Amino acid sequence: MKIADLIRILQTYPQDLRVVVDGYEDGYDDLVEDLIRVREIRLDIGENWWEGRHNDADFTPDIDGRVTNALVLHRPLKDQ
């Protein structure tokens, strides 16, 4: 998904609708603007069901896979 795709999707919802991200184990957390960042990620390297499909490029330097930038909506930690 690209920024334009996300904007198009978000524009179909009420502007006062809350945006959340899934929590670590369960539940949901509020989206925090300071935790929205561009990160360099390596695509399609997750092998286990508990892993995300992609991972940080600098965390996986020895693994083959296409690297690209992505806007990441980080979930807040409990104490933030």
C-alpha atoms as a PDB file:
ATOM      1  CA  MET A   1       0.000   0.000   0.000  1.00  0.00           C
ATOM      2  CA  LYS A   2       1.231   3.493  -0.832  1.00  0.00           C
ATOM      3  CA  ILE A   3       0.441   6.841   0.863  1.00  0.00           C
ATOM      4  CA  ALA A   4      -2.031   7.724  -1.915  1.00  0.00           C
ATOM      5  CA  ASP A   5      -3.863   4.402  -1.327  1.00  0.00           C
ATOM      6  CA  LEU A   6      -4.064   5.036   2.411  1.00  0.00           C
ATOM      7  CA  ILE A   7      -5.329   8.588   1.913  1.00  0.00           C
ATOM      8  CA  ARG A   8      -7.980   7.365  -0.537  1.00  0.00           C
ATOM      9  CA  ILE A   9      -9.137   4.737   1.969  1.00  0.00           C
ATOM     10  CA  LEU A  10      -9.081   7.094   4.961  1.00  0.00           C
ATOM     11  CA  GLN A  11     -11.108   9.717   3.080  1.00  0.00           C
ATOM     12  CA  THR A  12     -14.056   7.293   2.986  1.00  0.00           C
ATOM     13  CA  TYR A  13     -14.395   7.422   6.785  1.00  0.00           C
ATOM     14  CA  PRO A  14     -15.612  10.171   9.119  1.00  0.00           C
ATOM     15  CA  GLN A  15     -12.826  12.594  10.025  1.00  0.00           C
ATOM     16  CA  ASP A  16     -13.477  12.181  13.747  1.00  0.00           C
ATOM     17  CA  LEU A  17     -13.154   8.371  13.690  1.00  0.00           C
ATOM     18  CA  ARG A  18     -10.436   7.124  16.056  1.00  0.00           C
ATOM     19  CA  VAL A  19      -7.376   5.380  14.523  1.00  0.00           C
ATOM     20  CA  VAL A  20      -5.770   2.528  16.477  1.00  0.00           C
ATOM     21  CA  VAL A  21      -3.089  -0.126  15.954  1.00  0.00           C
ATOM     22  CA  ASP A  22      -3.243  -3.660  17.260  1.00  0.00           C
ATOM     23  CA  GLY A  23      -1.640  -4.224  20.641  1.00  0.00           C
ATOM     24  CA  TYR A  24       1.299  -6.519  21.348  1.00  0.00           C
ATOM     25  CA  GLU A  25      -0.660  -9.576  22.512  1.00  0.00           C
ATOM     26  CA  ASP A  26      -4.256  -8.433  22.152  1.00  0.00           C
ATOM     27  CA  GLY A  27      -6.427  -5.348  22.304  1.00  0.00           C
ATOM     28  CA  TYR A  28      -5.764  -2.039  20.565  1.00  0.00           C
ATOM     29  CA  ASP A  29      -3.690   1.099  21.155  1.00  0.00           C
ATOM     30  CA  ASP A  30      -4.220   4.677  20.033  1.00  0.00           C
ATOM     31  CA  LEU A  31      -2.110   5.878  17.135  1.00  0.00           C
ATOM     32  CA  VAL A  32       0.496   8.428  18.239  1.00  0.00           C
ATOM     33  CA  GLU A  33       1.765  10.968  15.690  1.00  0.00           C
ATOM     34  CA  ASP A  34       5.300  10.963  17.128  1.00  0.00           C
ATOM     35  CA  LEU A  35       5.498   7.207  16.449  1.00  0.00           C
ATOM     36  CA  ILE A  36       4.771   7.469  12.715  1.00  0.00           C
ATOM     37  CA  ARG A  37       8.131   7.170  10.972  1.00  0.00           C
ATOM     38  CA  VAL A  38       9.729   6.258   7.681  1.00  0.00           C
ATOM     39  CA  ARG A  39      11.880   3.149   8.106  1.00  0.00           C
ATOM     40  CA  GLU A  40      13.994   1.103   5.726  1.00  0.00           C
ATOM     41  CA  ILE A  41      12.519  -2.406   5.633  1.00  0.00           C
ATOM     42  CA  ARG A  42      13.450  -5.703   3.973  1.00  0.00           C
ATOM     43  CA  LEU A  43      10.446  -7.239   2.185  1.00  0.00           C
ATOM     44  CA  ASP A  44       9.037 -10.761   2.388  1.00  0.00           C
ATOM     45  CA  ILE A  45      11.482 -12.308   4.850  1.00  0.00           C
ATOM     46  CA  GLY A  46       9.207 -13.340   7.736  1.00  0.00           C
ATOM     47  CA  GLU A  47       9.068 -17.135   7.925  1.00  0.00           C
ATOM     48  CA  ASN A  48       7.115 -17.847  11.105  1.00  0.00           C
ATOM     49  CA  TRP A  49       3.437 -17.181  11.789  1.00  0.00           C
ATOM     50  CA  TRP A  50       4.271 -14.843  14.694  1.00  0.00           C
ATOM     51  CA  GLU A  51       6.590 -12.645  12.618  1.00  0.00           C
ATOM     52  CA  GLY A  52       5.522  -9.811  10.412  1.00  0.00           C
ATOM     53  CA  ARG A  53       5.919 -10.363   6.704  1.00  0.00           C
ATOM     54  CA  HIS A  54       8.674  -7.715   6.544  1.00  0.00           C
ATOM     55  CA  ASN A  55      11.421  -6.604   8.971  1.00  0.00           C
ATOM     56  CA  ASP A  56      13.826  -3.734   9.595  1.00  0.00           C
ATOM     57  CA  ALA A  57      16.587  -3.746   6.975  1.00  0.00           C
ATOM     58  CA  ASP A  58      19.287  -2.983   9.533  1.00  0.00           C
ATOM     59  CA  PHE A  59      18.084  -5.868  11.740  1.00  0.00           C
ATOM     60  CA  THR A  60      18.439  -8.362   8.870  1.00  0.00           C
ATOM     61  CA  PRO A  61      21.597  -7.370   6.957  1.00  0.00           C
ATOM     62  CA  ASP A  62      22.601 -10.951   6.076  1.00  0.00           C
ATOM     63  CA  ILE A  63      19.235 -11.948   4.610  1.00  0.00           C
ATOM     64  CA  ASP A  64      18.460 -11.539   0.919  1.00  0.00           C
ATOM     65  CA  GLY A  65      15.380  -9.544   0.125  1.00  0.00           C
ATOM     66  CA  ARG A  66      14.360  -6.317  -1.504  1.00  0.00           C
ATOM     67  CA  VAL A  67      14.859  -3.235   0.692  1.00  0.00           C
ATOM     68  CA  THR A  68      12.516  -0.254   0.504  1.00  0.00           C
ATOM     69  CA  ASN A  69      11.308   2.645   2.623  1.00  0.00           C
ATOM     70  CA  ALA A  70       7.932   2.374   4.345  1.00  0.00           C
ATOM     71  CA  LEU A  71       5.833   4.573   6.610  1.00  0.00           C
ATOM     72  CA  VAL A  72       5.538   2.630   9.866  1.00  0.00           C
ATOM     73  CA  LEU A  73       2.756   3.253  12.381  1.00  0.00           C
ATOM     74  CA  HIS A  74       4.483   2.105  15.560  1.00  0.00           C
ATOM     75  CA  ARG A  75       2.302   1.100  18.455  1.00  0.00           C
ATOM     76  CA  PRO A  76       2.938   2.990  21.690  1.00  0.00           C
ATOM     77  CA  LEU A  77       4.424   1.241  24.695  1.00  0.00           C
ATOM     78  CA  LYS A  78       2.318   1.181  27.863  1.00  0.00           C
ATOM     79  CA  ASP A  79       4.384   3.893  29.551  1.00  0.00           C
ATOM     80  CA  GLN A  80       4.260   6.359  26.633  1.00  0.00           C
END
